[in-house]
Amino acid sequence: MEHLKTFEAAAISLGKDPNILPQVEGIDEGHAKALTAVYKLFIISEAAWKAEDKKIDWNDFGQYKYYPWFDMENSSGSPSGFSFNVFGYDFAYSSVGSRLVFPSREIARYVGQTHLELYKDLMVIQ
């Protein structure tokens, strides 16, 4: 899963320039950081699907879509109160955006653990 190890590797695997990021101006730094993080996660998800030679089909009830699941409680052992916990999957409905799902349990787990800081930037208000 080298193509998912970093945002840069994922972008390059799609033929995208990793130095081109969304221009986020006029909003506070925390929200700008979240928007940049979600863009990077979109690219990582897209690279995962492309590498598996699959497309997300929300009309296919048999195609599972996996996503990382995080624990926000301090009891998880994470001093920040945010840590990767498990993964989830959905089929025709989703509790996450369709650009944030992955084609397999293993990939969702890998991305959730490897890119914990991007998910934290997206989900946690500091």
C-alpha atoms as a PDB file:
ATOM      1  CA  MET A   1       0.000   0.000   0.000  1.00  0.00           C
ATOM      2  CA  GLU A   2       2.888   2.330  -0.723  1.00  0.00           C
ATOM      3  CA  HIS A   3       0.576   4.481  -2.885  1.00  0.00           C
ATOM      4  CA  LEU A   4      -1.454   5.273   0.269  1.00  0.00           C
ATOM      5  CA  LYS A   5       1.421   5.830   2.672  1.00  0.00           C
ATOM      6  CA  THR A   6       1.394   9.599   2.182  1.00  0.00           C
ATOM      7  CA  PHE A   7      -0.894  12.141   0.550  1.00  0.00           C
ATOM      8  CA  GLU A   8       1.927  12.892  -1.877  1.00  0.00           C
ATOM      9  CA  ALA A   9       2.215   9.239  -2.932  1.00  0.00           C
ATOM     10  CA  ALA A  10      -1.565   9.008  -3.428  1.00  0.00           C
ATOM     11  CA  ALA A  11      -1.662  12.184  -5.517  1.00  0.00           C
ATOM     12  CA  ILE A  12       1.241  11.041  -7.696  1.00  0.00           C
ATOM     13  CA  SER A  13      -0.426   7.629  -8.214  1.00  0.00           C
ATOM     14  CA  LEU A  14      -3.388   9.537  -9.715  1.00  0.00           C
ATOM     15  CA  GLY A  15      -1.203  11.792 -11.854  1.00  0.00           C
ATOM     16  CA  LYS A  16      -1.980  14.836  -9.687  1.00  0.00           C
ATOM     17  CA  ASP A  17       0.497  17.423  -8.452  1.00  0.00           C
ATOM     18  CA  PRO A  18       0.702  17.006  -4.651  1.00  0.00           C
ATOM     19  CA  ASN A  19       1.792  20.633  -4.294  1.00  0.00           C
ATOM     20  CA  ILE A  20      -1.558  21.921  -5.520  1.00  0.00           C
ATOM     21  CA  LEU A  21      -3.869  22.242  -2.543  1.00  0.00           C
ATOM     22  CA  PRO A  22      -7.181  24.060  -2.101  1.00  0.00           C
ATOM     23  CA  GLN A  23      -6.819  27.796  -1.617  1.00  0.00           C
ATOM     24  CA  VAL A  24      -8.629  28.419   1.651  1.00  0.00           C
ATOM     25  CA  GLU A  25      -8.780  32.072   2.613  1.00  0.00           C
ATOM     26  CA  GLY A  26     -10.938  34.279   4.765  1.00  0.00           C
ATOM     27  CA  ILE A  27     -11.860  31.682   7.378  1.00  0.00           C
ATOM     28  CA  ASP A  28     -10.256  30.768  10.663  1.00  0.00           C
ATOM     29  CA  GLU A  29      -7.207  28.523  10.661  1.00  0.00           C
ATOM     30  CA  GLY A  30      -8.968  25.522  12.237  1.00  0.00           C
ATOM     31  CA  HIS A  31     -11.609  25.348   9.511  1.00  0.00           C
ATOM     32  CA  ALA A  32      -9.015  25.929   6.789  1.00  0.00           C
ATOM     33  CA  LYS A  33      -6.955  23.048   8.172  1.00  0.00           C
ATOM     34  CA  ALA A  34     -10.051  20.801   8.143  1.00  0.00           C
ATOM     35  CA  LEU A  35     -10.812  21.645   4.506  1.00  0.00           C
ATOM     36  CA  THR A  36      -7.253  20.863   3.452  1.00  0.00           C
ATOM     37  CA  ALA A  37      -7.346  17.594   5.410  1.00  0.00           C
ATOM     38  CA  VAL A  38     -10.597  16.452   3.796  1.00  0.00           C
ATOM     39  CA  TYR A  39      -9.208  17.212   0.332  1.00  0.00           C
ATOM     40  CA  LYS A  40      -6.140  15.096   1.087  1.00  0.00           C
ATOM     41  CA  LEU A  41      -8.345  12.259   2.351  1.00  0.00           C
ATOM     42  CA  PHE A  42     -10.466  12.484  -0.828  1.00  0.00           C
ATOM     43  CA  ILE A  43      -7.313  11.976  -2.896  1.00  0.00           C
ATOM     44  CA  ILE A  44      -6.172   9.059  -0.715  1.00  0.00           C
ATOM     45  CA  SER A  45      -9.581   7.377  -1.079  1.00  0.00           C
ATOM     46  CA  GLU A  46      -9.594   7.934  -4.835  1.00  0.00           C
ATOM     47  CA  ALA A  47      -6.110   6.386  -5.086  1.00  0.00           C
ATOM     48  CA  ALA A  48      -7.268   3.359  -3.076  1.00  0.00           C
ATOM     49  CA  TRP A  49     -10.218   2.694  -5.386  1.00  0.00           C
ATOM     50  CA  LYS A  50      -8.128   3.205  -8.521  1.00  0.00           C
ATOM     51  CA  ALA A  51      -5.432   0.792  -7.311  1.00  0.00           C
ATOM     52  CA  GLU A  52      -8.132  -1.857  -6.728  1.00  0.00           C
ATOM     53  CA  ASP A  53      -9.562  -1.112 -10.197  1.00  0.00           C
ATOM     54  CA  LYS A  54     -12.975  -0.480  -8.648  1.00  0.00           C
ATOM     55  CA  LYS A  55     -15.501   2.344  -8.685  1.00  0.00           C
ATOM     56  CA  ILE A  56     -17.842   3.225  -5.857  1.00  0.00           C
ATOM     57  CA  ASP A  57     -21.334   2.054  -6.814  1.00  0.00           C
ATOM     58  CA  TRP A  58     -23.936   3.255  -4.322  1.00  0.00           C
ATOM     59  CA  ASN A  59     -26.610   1.282  -6.189  1.00  0.00           C
ATOM     60  CA  ASP A  60     -24.804  -2.019  -5.617  1.00  0.00           C
ATOM     61  CA  PHE A  61     -26.042  -3.403  -2.299  1.00  0.00           C
ATOM     62  CA  GLY A  62     -23.412  -6.158  -2.482  1.00  0.00           C
ATOM     63  CA  GLN A  63     -20.457  -3.770  -2.693  1.00  0.00           C
ATOM     64  CA  TYR A  64     -19.289  -2.933   0.787  1.00  0.00           C
ATOM     65  CA  LYS A  65     -17.761   0.459   1.467  1.00  0.00           C
ATOM     66  CA  TYR A  66     -15.425   0.668   4.443  1.00  0.00           C
ATOM     67  CA  TYR A  67     -14.389   3.632   6.535  1.00  0.00           C
ATOM     68  CA  PRO A  68     -12.190   4.144   9.583  1.00  0.00           C
ATOM     69  CA  TRP A  69     -13.925   4.576  12.921  1.00  0.00           C
ATOM     70  CA  PHE A  70     -12.418   6.684  15.675  1.00  0.00           C
ATOM     71  CA  ASP A  71     -12.802   6.846  19.433  1.00  0.00           C
ATOM     72  CA  MET A  72     -13.148  10.363  20.811  1.00  0.00           C
ATOM     73  CA  GLU A  73     -12.980   9.395  24.487  1.00  0.00           C
ATOM     74  CA  ASN A  74      -9.888   9.864  26.644  1.00  0.00           C
ATOM     75  CA  SER A  75     -10.375   6.321  27.946  1.00  0.00           C
ATOM     76  CA  SER A  76      -9.019   4.905  24.668  1.00  0.00           C
ATOM     77  CA  GLY A  77      -5.467   5.404  25.855  1.00  0.00           C
ATOM     78  CA  SER A  78      -4.933   8.392  23.596  1.00  0.00           C
ATOM     79  CA  PRO A  79      -4.095  11.506  25.586  1.00  0.00           C
ATOM     80  CA  SER A  80      -5.723  13.640  22.914  1.00  0.00           C
ATOM     81  CA  GLY A  81      -9.019  11.777  23.134  1.00  0.00           C
ATOM     82  CA  PHE A  82      -8.895  10.838  19.456  1.00  0.00           C
ATOM     83  CA  SER A  83      -7.601   7.528  18.210  1.00  0.00           C
ATOM     84  CA  PHE A  84      -8.218   4.939  15.521  1.00  0.00           C
ATOM     85  CA  ASN A  85     -10.464   2.254  16.925  1.00  0.00           C
ATOM     86  CA  VAL A  86     -12.008  -0.027  14.311  1.00  0.00           C
ATOM     87  CA  PHE A  87     -13.511   0.209  10.847  1.00  0.00           C
ATOM     88  CA  GLY A  88     -17.036   0.156   9.559  1.00  0.00           C
ATOM     89  CA  TYR A  89     -18.744  -0.679   6.307  1.00  0.00           C
ATOM     90  CA  ASP A  90     -21.889   0.448   4.561  1.00  0.00           C
ATOM     91  CA  PHE A  91     -23.684  -0.439   1.394  1.00  0.00           C
ATOM     92  CA  ALA A  92     -26.560   1.624  -0.073  1.00  0.00           C
ATOM     93  CA  TYR A  93     -26.502   4.197   2.722  1.00  0.00           C
ATOM     94  CA  SER A  94     -23.570   5.775   4.457  1.00  0.00           C
ATOM     95  CA  SER A  95     -22.762   7.665   7.614  1.00  0.00           C
ATOM     96  CA  VAL A  96     -19.709   9.189   5.945  1.00  0.00           C
ATOM     97  CA  GLY A  97     -19.188  11.078   2.716  1.00  0.00           C
ATOM     98  CA  SER A  98     -18.838   8.878  -0.348  1.00  0.00           C
ATOM     99  CA  ARG A  99     -15.395  10.310  -1.021  1.00  0.00           C
ATOM    100  CA  LEU A 100     -14.189   8.986   2.337  1.00  0.00           C
ATOM    101  CA  VAL A 101     -14.893   5.274   1.903  1.00  0.00           C
ATOM    102  CA  PHE A 102     -12.480   2.511   0.936  1.00  0.00           C
ATOM    103  CA  PRO A 103     -12.812  -0.714  -1.051  1.00  0.00           C
ATOM    104  CA  SER A 104     -11.684  -3.080   1.707  1.00  0.00           C
ATOM    105  CA  ARG A 105     -11.470  -3.455   5.455  1.00  0.00           C
ATOM    106  CA  GLU A 106      -7.679  -3.705   5.309  1.00  0.00           C
ATOM    107  CA  ILE A 107      -7.325  -0.480   3.334  1.00  0.00           C
ATOM    108  CA  ALA A 108      -9.702   1.407   5.658  1.00  0.00           C
ATOM    109  CA  ARG A 109      -7.725   0.198   8.668  1.00  0.00           C
ATOM    110  CA  TYR A 110      -4.392   1.108   7.062  1.00  0.00           C
ATOM    111  CA  VAL A 111      -5.541   4.600   6.046  1.00  0.00           C
ATOM    112  CA  GLY A 112      -7.173   5.259   9.433  1.00  0.00           C
ATOM    113  CA  GLN A 113      -3.996   4.344  11.286  1.00  0.00           C
ATOM    114  CA  THR A 114      -1.543   5.891   8.821  1.00  0.00           C
ATOM    115  CA  HIS A 115      -3.392   9.187   8.390  1.00  0.00           C
ATOM    116  CA  LEU A 116      -4.661   9.680  11.926  1.00  0.00           C
ATOM    117  CA  GLU A 117      -3.494  13.305  11.950  1.00  0.00           C
ATOM    118  CA  LEU A 118      -5.490  14.140   8.801  1.00  0.00           C
ATOM    119  CA  TYR A 119      -8.630  12.662  10.350  1.00  0.00           C
ATOM    120  CA  LYS A 120      -7.922  14.565  13.557  1.00  0.00           C
ATOM    121  CA  ASP A 121      -7.511  17.825  11.595  1.00  0.00           C
ATOM    122  CA  LEU A 122     -10.858  17.116   9.913  1.00  0.00           C
ATOM    123  CA  MET A 123     -12.897  15.987  12.906  1.00  0.00           C
ATOM    124  CA  VAL A 124     -11.547  17.660  16.032  1.00  0.00           C
ATOM    125  CA  ILE A 125     -12.108  21.319  16.871  1.00  0.00           C
ATOM    126  CA  GLN A 126      -9.110  22.553  18.839  1.00  0.00           C
END
